[in-house]
Amino acid sequence: MIREIVRVRGRVQAVGFRDRVADIAEDYRVSGTVRNLRPDPVLEIDVEGERSEIERFLDDVFAHPPTFARVEGVDRATAQPRGVEGFTIAKTAEE
């Protein structure tokens, strides 16, 4: 079990990206959250699961972004797993 925090920059807010990520997560054995970060337009995906499942999930997310989204950059970092269950949309947070 691993945890990755993925920050996506670009036109990623107000385009349905959080909903898309949460919908895609239902097809994989992953848990975590997706939320917007402000003041910069950043989408944060905090995901836990087996490495191969996370990779397939993220590949799917980036292969099927919302129509009006534009990904300009992605930063990935590992973190200590929290042991959360399920995948939810979290409230917007200040960076």
PDB file of N, CA and C in Angstrom:
ATOM      1  N   MET A   1       0.850  -1.182   0.000  1.00  0.00           N
ATOM      2  CA  MET A   1       0.000   0.000   0.000  1.00  0.00           C
ATOM      3  C   MET A   1       0.887   1.234   0.000  1.00  0.00           C
ATOM      4  N   ILE A   2       0.599   2.157  -0.922  1.00  0.00           N
ATOM      5  CA  ILE A   2       1.332   3.419  -0.986  1.00  0.00           C
ATOM      6  C   ILE A   2       0.337   4.572  -1.051  1.00  0.00           C
ATOM      7  N   ARG A   3       0.846   5.763  -0.854  1.00  0.00           N
ATOM      8  CA  ARG A   3       0.038   6.984  -0.969  1.00  0.00           C
ATOM      9  C   ARG A   3       0.789   7.972  -1.845  1.00  0.00           C
ATOM     10  N   GLU A   4       0.078   8.565  -2.769  1.00  0.00           N
ATOM     11  CA  GLU A   4       0.654   9.608  -3.615  1.00  0.00           C
ATOM     12  C   GLU A   4      -0.197  10.856  -3.530  1.00  0.00           C
ATOM     13  N   ILE A   5       0.458  11.992  -3.502  1.00  0.00           N
ATOM     14  CA  ILE A   5      -0.221  13.278  -3.579  1.00  0.00           C
ATOM     15  C   ILE A   5       0.165  13.878  -4.927  1.00  0.00           C
ATOM     16  N   VAL A   6      -0.851  14.055  -5.761  1.00  0.00           N
ATOM     17  CA  VAL A   6      -0.643  14.513  -7.132  1.00  0.00           C
ATOM     18  C   VAL A   6      -1.265  15.901  -7.253  1.00  0.00           C
ATOM     19  N   ARG A   7      -0.458  16.873  -7.629  1.00  0.00           N
ATOM     20  CA  ARG A   7      -0.959  18.246  -7.827  1.00  0.00           C
ATOM     21  C   ARG A   7      -0.937  18.564  -9.313  1.00  0.00           C
ATOM     22  N   VAL A   8      -2.101  18.939  -9.800  1.00  0.00           N
ATOM     23  CA  VAL A   8      -2.296  19.190 -11.224  1.00  0.00           C
ATOM     24  C   VAL A   8      -2.533  20.679 -11.422  1.00  0.00           C
ATOM     25  N   ARG A   9      -1.724  21.309 -12.292  1.00  0.00           N
ATOM     26  CA  ARG A   9      -1.834  22.736 -12.564  1.00  0.00           C
ATOM     27  C   ARG A   9      -2.404  22.970 -13.959  1.00  0.00           C
ATOM     28  N   GLY A  10      -3.063  24.109 -14.117  1.00  0.00           N
ATOM     29  CA  GLY A  10      -3.616  24.493 -15.409  1.00  0.00           C
ATOM     30  C   GLY A  10      -5.060  24.916 -15.255  1.00  0.00           C
ATOM     31  N   ARG A  11      -5.841  24.706 -16.304  1.00  0.00           N
ATOM     32  CA  ARG A  11      -7.281  24.978 -16.213  1.00  0.00           C
ATOM     33  C   ARG A  11      -7.921  23.712 -15.647  1.00  0.00           C
ATOM     34  N   VAL A  12      -7.936  23.635 -14.324  1.00  0.00           N
ATOM     35  CA  VAL A  12      -8.380  22.416 -13.642  1.00  0.00           C
ATOM     36  C   VAL A  12      -9.495  22.682 -12.631  1.00  0.00           C
ATOM     37  N   GLN A  13      -9.912  23.940 -12.516  1.00  0.00           N
ATOM     38  CA  GLN A  13     -11.003  24.280 -11.607  1.00  0.00           C
ATOM     39  C   GLN A  13     -12.161  24.838 -12.414  1.00  0.00           C
ATOM     40  N   ALA A  14     -13.377  24.592 -11.932  1.00  0.00           N
ATOM     41  CA  ALA A  14     -14.614  25.049 -12.570  1.00  0.00           C
ATOM     42  C   ALA A  14     -14.821  24.406 -13.944  1.00  0.00           C
ATOM     43  N   VAL A  15     -14.269  23.195 -14.112  1.00  0.00           N
ATOM     44  CA  VAL A  15     -14.457  22.461 -15.373  1.00  0.00           C
ATOM     45  C   VAL A  15     -14.953  21.034 -15.138  1.00  0.00           C
ATOM     46  N   GLY A  16     -15.261  20.692 -13.871  1.00  0.00           N
ATOM     47  CA  GLY A  16     -15.757  19.351 -13.564  1.00  0.00           C
ATOM     48  C   GLY A  16     -14.674  18.320 -13.302  1.00  0.00           C
ATOM     49  N   PHE A  17     -13.457  18.774 -13.051  1.00  0.00           N
ATOM     50  CA  PHE A  17     -12.344  17.842 -12.866  1.00  0.00           C
ATOM     51  C   PHE A  17     -12.496  16.997 -11.600  1.00  0.00           C
ATOM     52  N   ARG A  18     -12.914  17.615 -10.492  1.00  0.00           N
ATOM     53  CA  ARG A  18     -13.065  16.835  -9.251  1.00  0.00           C
ATOM     54  C   ARG A  18     -14.085  15.726  -9.429  1.00  0.00           C
ATOM     55  N   ASP A  19     -15.211  16.045 -10.051  1.00  0.00           N
ATOM     56  CA  ASP A  19     -16.234  15.025 -10.290  1.00  0.00           C
ATOM     57  C   ASP A  19     -15.707  13.911 -11.182  1.00  0.00           C
ATOM     58  N   ARG A  20     -14.959  14.275 -12.223  1.00  0.00           N
ATOM     59  CA  ARG A  20     -14.411  13.273 -13.133  1.00  0.00           C
ATOM     60  C   ARG A  20     -13.460  12.336 -12.390  1.00  0.00           C
ATOM     61  N   VAL A  21     -12.582  12.899 -11.568  1.00  0.00           N
ATOM     62  CA  VAL A  21     -11.630  12.081 -10.804  1.00  0.00           C
ATOM     63  C   VAL A  21     -12.383  11.133  -9.875  1.00  0.00           C
ATOM     64  N   ALA A  22     -13.384  11.636  -9.166  1.00  0.00           N
ATOM     65  CA  ALA A  22     -14.153  10.798  -8.244  1.00  0.00           C
ATOM     66  C   ALA A  22     -14.887   9.687  -8.996  1.00  0.00           C
ATOM     67  N   ASP A  23     -15.437   9.995 -10.161  1.00  0.00           N
ATOM     68  CA  ASP A  23     -16.116   8.972 -10.968  1.00  0.00           C
ATOM     69  C   ASP A  23     -15.143   7.890 -11.420  1.00  0.00           C
ATOM     70  N   ILE A  24     -13.978   8.299 -11.885  1.00  0.00           N
ATOM     71  CA  ILE A  24     -12.974   7.330 -12.343  1.00  0.00           C
ATOM     72  C   ILE A  24     -12.495   6.473 -11.179  1.00  0.00           C
ATOM     73  N   ALA A  25     -12.353   7.061  -9.995  1.00  0.00           N
ATOM     74  CA  ALA A  25     -11.882   6.309  -8.822  1.00  0.00           C
ATOM     75  C   ALA A  25     -12.786   5.126  -8.502  1.00  0.00           C
ATOM     76  N   GLU A  26     -14.073   5.218  -8.837  1.00  0.00           N
ATOM     77  CA  GLU A  26     -15.000   4.122  -8.568  1.00  0.00           C
ATOM     78  C   GLU A  26     -14.630   2.855  -9.322  1.00  0.00           C
ATOM     79  N   ASP A  27     -13.880   2.993 -10.412  1.00  0.00           N
ATOM     80  CA  ASP A  27     -13.502   1.835 -11.223  1.00  0.00           C
ATOM     81  C   ASP A  27     -12.214   1.170 -10.761  1.00  0.00           C
ATOM     82  N   TYR A  28     -11.588   1.693  -9.729  1.00  0.00           N
ATOM     83  CA  TYR A  28     -10.297   1.186  -9.260  1.00  0.00           C
ATOM     84  C   TYR A  28     -10.327   0.920  -7.764  1.00  0.00           C
ATOM     85  N   ARG A  29      -9.399   0.111  -7.307  1.00  0.00           N
ATOM     86  CA  ARG A  29      -9.273  -0.171  -5.874  1.00  0.00           C
ATOM     87  C   ARG A  29      -8.319   0.856  -5.259  1.00  0.00           C
ATOM     88  N   VAL A  30      -8.804   2.101  -5.204  1.00  0.00           N
ATOM     89  CA  VAL A  30      -8.044   3.198  -4.607  1.00  0.00           C
ATOM     90  C   VAL A  30      -8.947   3.935  -3.632  1.00  0.00           C
ATOM     91  N   SER A  31      -8.348   4.636  -2.703  1.00  0.00           N
ATOM     92  CA  SER A  31      -9.094   5.500  -1.791  1.00  0.00           C
ATOM     93  C   SER A  31      -8.362   6.813  -1.677  1.00  0.00           C
ATOM     94  N   GLY A  32      -9.087   7.812  -1.161  1.00  0.00           N
ATOM     95  CA  GLY A  32      -8.471   9.117  -0.982  1.00  0.00           C
ATOM     96  C   GLY A  32      -9.434  10.252  -1.217  1.00  0.00           C
ATOM     97  N   THR A  33      -8.867  11.381  -1.642  1.00  0.00           N
ATOM     98  CA  THR A  33      -9.666  12.583  -1.861  1.00  0.00           C
ATOM     99  C   THR A  33      -9.162  13.323  -3.096  1.00  0.00           C
ATOM    100  N   VAL A  34     -10.031  14.181  -3.596  1.00  0.00           N
ATOM    101  CA  VAL A  34      -9.656  15.137  -4.630  1.00  0.00           C
ATOM    102  C   VAL A  34     -10.215  16.475  -4.185  1.00  0.00           C
ATOM    103  N   ARG A  35      -9.427  17.551  -4.349  1.00  0.00           N
ATOM    104  CA  ARG A  35      -9.894  18.877  -3.931  1.00  0.00           C
ATOM    105  C   ARG A  35      -9.178  19.942  -4.740  1.00  0.00           C
ATOM    106  N   ASN A  36      -9.772  21.112  -4.750  1.00  0.00           N
ATOM    107  CA  ASN A  36      -9.132  22.283  -5.338  1.00  0.00           C
ATOM    108  C   ASN A  36      -8.273  22.946  -4.273  1.00  0.00           C
ATOM    109  N   LEU A  37      -7.156  23.512  -4.712  1.00  0.00           N
ATOM    110  CA  LEU A  37      -6.298  24.316  -3.836  1.00  0.00           C
ATOM    111  C   LEU A  37      -6.270  25.723  -4.393  1.00  0.00           C
ATOM    112  N   ARG A  38      -6.260  26.691  -3.489  1.00  0.00           N
ATOM    113  CA  ARG A  38      -6.203  28.087  -3.890  1.00  0.00           C
ATOM    114  C   ARG A  38      -5.102  28.774  -3.102  1.00  0.00           C
ATOM    115  N   PRO A  39      -4.533  29.845  -3.540  1.00  0.00           N
ATOM    116  CA  PRO A  39      -5.053  30.754  -4.545  1.00  0.00           C
ATOM    117  C   PRO A  39      -4.722  30.340  -5.980  1.00  0.00           C
ATOM    118  N   ASP A  40      -3.712  29.520  -6.196  1.00  0.00           N
ATOM    119  CA  ASP A  40      -3.393  29.088  -7.552  1.00  0.00           C
ATOM    120  C   ASP A  40      -4.391  28.026  -7.993  1.00  0.00           C
ATOM    121  N   PRO A  41      -4.674  27.961  -9.289  1.00  0.00           N
ATOM    122  CA  PRO A  41      -5.604  26.935  -9.765  1.00  0.00           C
ATOM    123  C   PRO A  41      -4.929  25.560  -9.808  1.00  0.00           C
ATOM    124  N   VAL A  42      -4.991  24.872  -8.684  1.00  0.00           N
ATOM    125  CA  VAL A  42      -4.364  23.559  -8.554  1.00  0.00           C
ATOM    126  C   VAL A  42      -5.424  22.566  -8.097  1.00  0.00           C
ATOM    127  N   LEU A  43      -5.392  21.377  -8.691  1.00  0.00           N
ATOM    128  CA  LEU A  43      -6.239  20.268  -8.272  1.00  0.00           C
ATOM    129  C   LEU A  43      -5.331  19.273  -7.567  1.00  0.00           C
ATOM    130  N   GLU A  44      -5.713  18.831  -6.372  1.00  0.00           N
ATOM    131  CA  GLU A  44      -4.904  17.875  -5.622  1.00  0.00           C
ATOM    132  C   GLU A  44      -5.633  16.543  -5.522  1.00  0.00           C
ATOM    133  N   ILE A  45      -4.970  15.492  -5.971  1.00  0.00           N
ATOM    134  CA  ILE A  45      -5.471  14.128  -5.844  1.00  0.00           C
ATOM    135  C   ILE A  45      -4.593  13.441  -4.811  1.00  0.00           C
ATOM    136  N   ASP A  46      -5.182  13.049  -3.698  1.00  0.00           N
ATOM    137  CA  ASP A  46      -4.483  12.358  -2.609  1.00  0.00           C
ATOM    138  C   ASP A  46      -5.000  10.931  -2.616  1.00  0.00           C
ATOM    139  N   VAL A  47      -4.205  10.003  -3.113  1.00  0.00           N
ATOM    140  CA  VAL A  47      -4.698   8.659  -3.401  1.00  0.00           C
ATOM    141  C   VAL A  47      -3.839   7.582  -2.744  1.00  0.00           C
ATOM    142  N   GLU A  48      -4.505   6.521  -2.277  1.00  0.00           N
ATOM    143  CA  GLU A  48      -3.833   5.378  -1.667  1.00  0.00           C
ATOM    144  C   GLU A  48      -4.270   4.097  -2.349  1.00  0.00           C
ATOM    145  N   GLY A  49      -3.365   3.139  -2.386  1.00  0.00           N
ATOM    146  CA  GLY A  49      -3.674   1.830  -2.953  1.00  0.00           C
ATOM    147  C   GLY A  49      -2.392   1.133  -3.356  1.00  0.00           C
ATOM    148  N   GLU A  50      -2.545   0.044  -4.088  1.00  0.00           N
ATOM    149  CA  GLU A  50      -1.380  -0.646  -4.628  1.00  0.00           C
ATOM    150  C   GLU A  50      -0.798   0.206  -5.753  1.00  0.00           C
ATOM    151  N   ARG A  51       0.514   0.185  -5.882  1.00  0.00           N
ATOM    152  CA  ARG A  51       1.197   1.028  -6.869  1.00  0.00           C
ATOM    153  C   ARG A  51       0.612   0.842  -8.273  1.00  0.00           C
ATOM    154  N   SER A  52       0.417  -0.386  -8.688  1.00  0.00           N
ATOM    155  CA  SER A  52      -0.080  -0.631 -10.045  1.00  0.00           C
ATOM    156  C   SER A  52      -1.502  -0.095 -10.228  1.00  0.00           C
ATOM    157  N   GLU A  53      -2.316  -0.175  -9.189  1.00  0.00           N
ATOM    158  CA  GLU A  53      -3.694   0.323  -9.276  1.00  0.00           C
ATOM    159  C   GLU A  53      -3.708   1.853  -9.340  1.00  0.00           C
ATOM    160  N   ILE A  54      -2.848   2.499  -8.566  1.00  0.00           N
ATOM    161  CA  ILE A  54      -2.739   3.960  -8.615  1.00  0.00           C
ATOM    162  C   ILE A  54      -2.273   4.405  -9.995  1.00  0.00           C
ATOM    163  N   GLU A  55      -1.299   3.721 -10.557  1.00  0.00           N
ATOM    164  CA  GLU A  55      -0.801   4.085 -11.885  1.00  0.00           C
ATOM    165  C   GLU A  55      -1.900   3.965 -12.934  1.00  0.00           C
ATOM    166  N   ARG A  56      -2.659   2.890 -12.907  1.00  0.00           N
ATOM    167  CA  ARG A  56      -3.753   2.709 -13.870  1.00  0.00           C
ATOM    168  C   ARG A  56      -4.820   3.781 -13.673  1.00  0.00           C
ATOM    169  N   PHE A  57      -5.154   4.085 -12.410  1.00  0.00           N
ATOM    170  CA  PHE A  57      -6.128   5.132 -12.086  1.00  0.00           C
ATOM    171  C   PHE A  57      -5.675   6.481 -12.638  1.00  0.00           C
ATOM    172  N   LEU A  58      -4.436   6.869 -12.354  1.00  0.00           N
ATOM    173  CA  LEU A  58      -3.937   8.166 -12.819  1.00  0.00           C
ATOM    174  C   LEU A  58      -3.830   8.209 -14.342  1.00  0.00           C
ATOM    175  N   ASP A  59      -3.416   7.112 -14.957  1.00  0.00           N
ATOM    176  CA  ASP A  59      -3.388   7.059 -16.424  1.00  0.00           C
ATOM    177  C   ASP A  59      -4.779   7.337 -16.988  1.00  0.00           C
ATOM    178  N   ASP A  60      -5.796   6.748 -16.379  1.00  0.00           N
ATOM    179  CA  ASP A  60      -7.173   6.942 -16.818  1.00  0.00           C
ATOM    180  C   ASP A  60      -7.612   8.396 -16.617  1.00  0.00           C
ATOM    181  N   VAL A  61      -7.277   8.965 -15.460  1.00  0.00           N
ATOM    182  CA  VAL A  61      -7.626  10.371 -15.175  1.00  0.00           C
ATOM    183  C   VAL A  61      -7.046  11.292 -16.248  1.00  0.00           C
ATOM    184  N   PHE A  62      -5.765  11.113 -16.573  1.00  0.00           N
ATOM    185  CA  PHE A  62      -5.128  12.024 -17.524  1.00  0.00           C
ATOM    186  C   PHE A  62      -5.476  11.700 -18.978  1.00  0.00           C
ATOM    187  N   ALA A  63      -5.944  10.500 -19.237  1.00  0.00           N
ATOM    188  CA  ALA A  63      -6.388  10.147 -20.590  1.00  0.00           C
ATOM    189  C   ALA A  63      -7.801  10.652 -20.871  1.00  0.00           C
ATOM    190  N   HIS A  64      -8.572  10.942 -19.805  1.00  0.00           N
ATOM    191  CA  HIS A  64      -9.970  11.347 -19.963  1.00  0.00           C
ATOM    192  C   HIS A  64     -10.317  12.578 -19.127  1.00  0.00           C
ATOM    193  N   PRO A  65      -9.602  13.685 -19.334  1.00  0.00           N
ATOM    194  CA  PRO A  65      -9.929  14.899 -18.568  1.00  0.00           C
ATOM    195  C   PRO A  65     -11.252  15.486 -19.042  1.00  0.00           C
ATOM    196  N   PRO A  66     -11.861  16.347 -18.238  1.00  0.00           N
ATOM    197  CA  PRO A  66     -13.076  17.038 -18.694  1.00  0.00           C
ATOM    198  C   PRO A  66     -12.791  17.841 -19.968  1.00  0.00           C
ATOM    199  N   THR A  67     -13.805  18.053 -20.746  1.00  0.00           N
ATOM    200  CA  THR A  67     -13.680  18.709 -22.041  1.00  0.00           C
ATOM    201  C   THR A  67     -12.930  20.039 -21.988  1.00  0.00           C
ATOM    202  N   PHE A  68     -13.242  20.885 -21.020  1.00  0.00           N
ATOM    203  CA  PHE A  68     -12.651  22.225 -20.984  1.00  0.00           C
ATOM    204  C   PHE A  68     -11.404  22.325 -20.096  1.00  0.00           C
ATOM    205  N   ALA A  69     -10.934  21.204 -19.572  1.00  0.00           N
ATOM    206  CA  ALA A  69      -9.726  21.210 -18.747  1.00  0.00           C
ATOM    207  C   ALA A  69      -8.488  21.309 -19.633  1.00  0.00           C
ATOM    208  N   ARG A  70      -7.429  21.869 -19.051  1.00  0.00           N
ATOM    209  CA  ARG A  70      -6.139  21.919 -19.733  1.00  0.00           C
ATOM    210  C   ARG A  70      -5.060  21.705 -18.673  1.00  0.00           C
ATOM    211  N   VAL A  71      -4.413  20.575 -18.721  1.00  0.00           N
ATOM    212  CA  VAL A  71      -3.352  20.251 -17.764  1.00  0.00           C
ATOM    213  C   VAL A  71      -2.051  20.855 -18.274  1.00  0.00           C
ATOM    214  N   GLU A  72      -1.439  21.696 -17.427  1.00  0.00           N
ATOM    215  CA  GLU A  72      -0.183  22.350 -17.792  1.00  0.00           C
ATOM    216  C   GLU A  72       1.006  21.791 -17.033  1.00  0.00           C
ATOM    217  N   GLY A  73       0.754  21.070 -15.956  1.00  0.00           N
ATOM    218  CA  GLY A  73       1.844  20.481 -15.193  1.00  0.00           C
ATOM    219  C   GLY A  73       1.319  19.558 -14.116  1.00  0.00           C
ATOM    220  N   VAL A  74       2.153  18.597 -13.738  1.00  0.00           N
ATOM    221  CA  VAL A  74       1.785  17.623 -12.714  1.00  0.00           C
ATOM    222  C   VAL A  74       2.987  17.407 -11.811  1.00  0.00           C
ATOM    223  N   ASP A  75       2.774  17.495 -10.503  1.00  0.00           N
ATOM    224  CA  ASP A  75       3.800  17.177  -9.510  1.00  0.00           C
ATOM    225  C   ASP A  75       3.303  16.009  -8.682  1.00  0.00           C
ATOM    226  N   ARG A  76       4.168  15.024  -8.474  1.00  0.00           N
ATOM    227  CA  ARG A  76       3.791  13.842  -7.690  1.00  0.00           C
ATOM    228  C   ARG A  76       4.761  13.660  -6.541  1.00  0.00           C
ATOM    229  N   ALA A  77       4.209  13.312  -5.380  1.00  0.00           N
ATOM    230  CA  ALA A  77       5.033  13.045  -4.202  1.00  0.00           C
ATOM    231  C   ALA A  77       4.430  11.883  -3.438  1.00  0.00           C
ATOM    232  N   THR A  78       5.280  11.091  -2.820  1.00  0.00           N
ATOM    233  CA  THR A  78       4.786  10.006  -1.980  1.00  0.00           C
ATOM    234  C   THR A  78       4.635  10.523  -0.552  1.00  0.00           C
ATOM    235  N   ALA A  79       3.757   9.873   0.187  1.00  0.00           N
ATOM    236  CA  ALA A  79       3.514  10.235   1.586  1.00  0.00           C
ATOM    237  C   ALA A  79       3.161   8.976   2.354  1.00  0.00           C
ATOM    238  N   GLN A  80       3.149   9.086   3.654  1.00  0.00           N
ATOM    239  CA  GLN A  80       2.787   7.964   4.519  1.00  0.00           C
ATOM    240  C   GLN A  80       1.300   7.665   4.357  1.00  0.00           C
ATOM    241  N   PRO A  81       0.914   6.423   4.064  1.00  0.00           N
ATOM    242  CA  PRO A  81      -0.517   6.088   3.940  1.00  0.00           C
ATOM    243  C   PRO A  81      -1.282   6.425   5.218  1.00  0.00           C
ATOM    244  N   ARG A  82      -2.529   6.868   5.038  1.00  0.00           N
ATOM    245  CA  ARG A  82      -3.389   7.231   6.168  1.00  0.00           C
ATOM    246  C   ARG A  82      -4.379   6.131   6.510  1.00  0.00           C
ATOM    247  N   GLY A  83      -4.579   5.192   5.594  1.00  0.00           N
ATOM    248  CA  GLY A  83      -5.527   4.111   5.843  1.00  0.00           C
ATOM    249  C   GLY A  83      -6.972   4.525   5.653  1.00  0.00           C
ATOM    250  N   VAL A  84      -7.225   5.493   4.785  1.00  0.00           N
ATOM    251  CA  VAL A  84      -8.597   5.945   4.537  1.00  0.00           C
ATOM    252  C   VAL A  84      -9.325   4.931   3.665  1.00  0.00           C
ATOM    253  N   GLU A  85     -10.639   4.950   3.741  1.00  0.00           N
ATOM    254  CA  GLU A  85     -11.456   4.084   2.897  1.00  0.00           C
ATOM    255  C   GLU A  85     -12.369   4.940   2.049  1.00  0.00           C
ATOM    256  N   GLY A  86     -12.595   4.532   0.820  1.00  0.00           N
ATOM    257  CA  GLY A  86     -13.462   5.260  -0.081  1.00  0.00           C
ATOM    258  C   GLY A  86     -12.736   6.425  -0.731  1.00  0.00           C
ATOM    259  N   PHE A  87     -13.397   7.023  -1.698  1.00  0.00           N
ATOM    260  CA  PHE A  87     -12.824   8.159  -2.408  1.00  0.00           C
ATOM    261  C   PHE A  87     -13.850   9.274  -2.417  1.00  0.00           C
ATOM    262  N   THR A  88     -13.471  10.464  -1.939  1.00  0.00           N
ATOM    263  CA  THR A  88     -14.423  11.563  -1.805  1.00  0.00           C
ATOM    264  C   THR A  88     -13.872  12.864  -2.382  1.00  0.00           C
ATOM    265  N   ILE A  89     -14.792  13.779  -2.623  1.00  0.00           N
ATOM    266  CA  ILE A  89     -14.430  15.140  -3.016  1.00  0.00           C
ATOM    267  C   ILE A  89     -14.356  15.956  -1.730  1.00  0.00           C
ATOM    268  N   ALA A  90     -13.195  16.542  -1.472  1.00  0.00           N
ATOM    269  CA  ALA A  90     -12.990  17.322  -0.251  1.00  0.00           C
ATOM    270  C   ALA A  90     -13.189  18.814  -0.553  1.00  0.00           C
ATOM    271  N   LYS A  91     -13.375  19.575   0.511  1.00  0.00           N
ATOM    272  CA  LYS A  91     -13.552  21.019   0.384  1.00  0.00           C
ATOM    273  C   LYS A  91     -12.279  21.676  -0.162  1.00  0.00           C
ATOM    274  N   THR A  92     -12.470  22.781  -0.868  1.00  0.00           N
ATOM    275  CA  THR A  92     -11.371  23.577  -1.360  1.00  0.00           C
ATOM    276  C   THR A  92     -10.525  24.056  -0.189  1.00  0.00           C
ATOM    277  N   ALA A  93      -9.204  24.071  -0.375  1.00  0.00           N
ATOM    278  CA  ALA A  93      -8.301  24.477   0.697  1.00  0.00           C
ATOM    279  C   ALA A  93      -7.343  25.552   0.191  1.00  0.00           C
ATOM    280  N   GLU A  94      -6.862  26.349   1.104  1.00  0.00           N
ATOM    281  CA  GLU A  94      -5.822  27.344   0.808  1.00  0.00           C
ATOM    282  C   GLU A  94      -4.466  26.656   0.923  1.00  0.00           C
ATOM    283  N   GLU A  95      -3.593  26.923  -0.038  1.00  0.00           N
ATOM    284  CA  GLU A  95      -2.238  26.335   0.009  1.00  0.00           C
ATOM    285  C   GLU A  95      -1.412  26.978   1.081  1.00  0.00           C
TER     286      GLU A  95
END
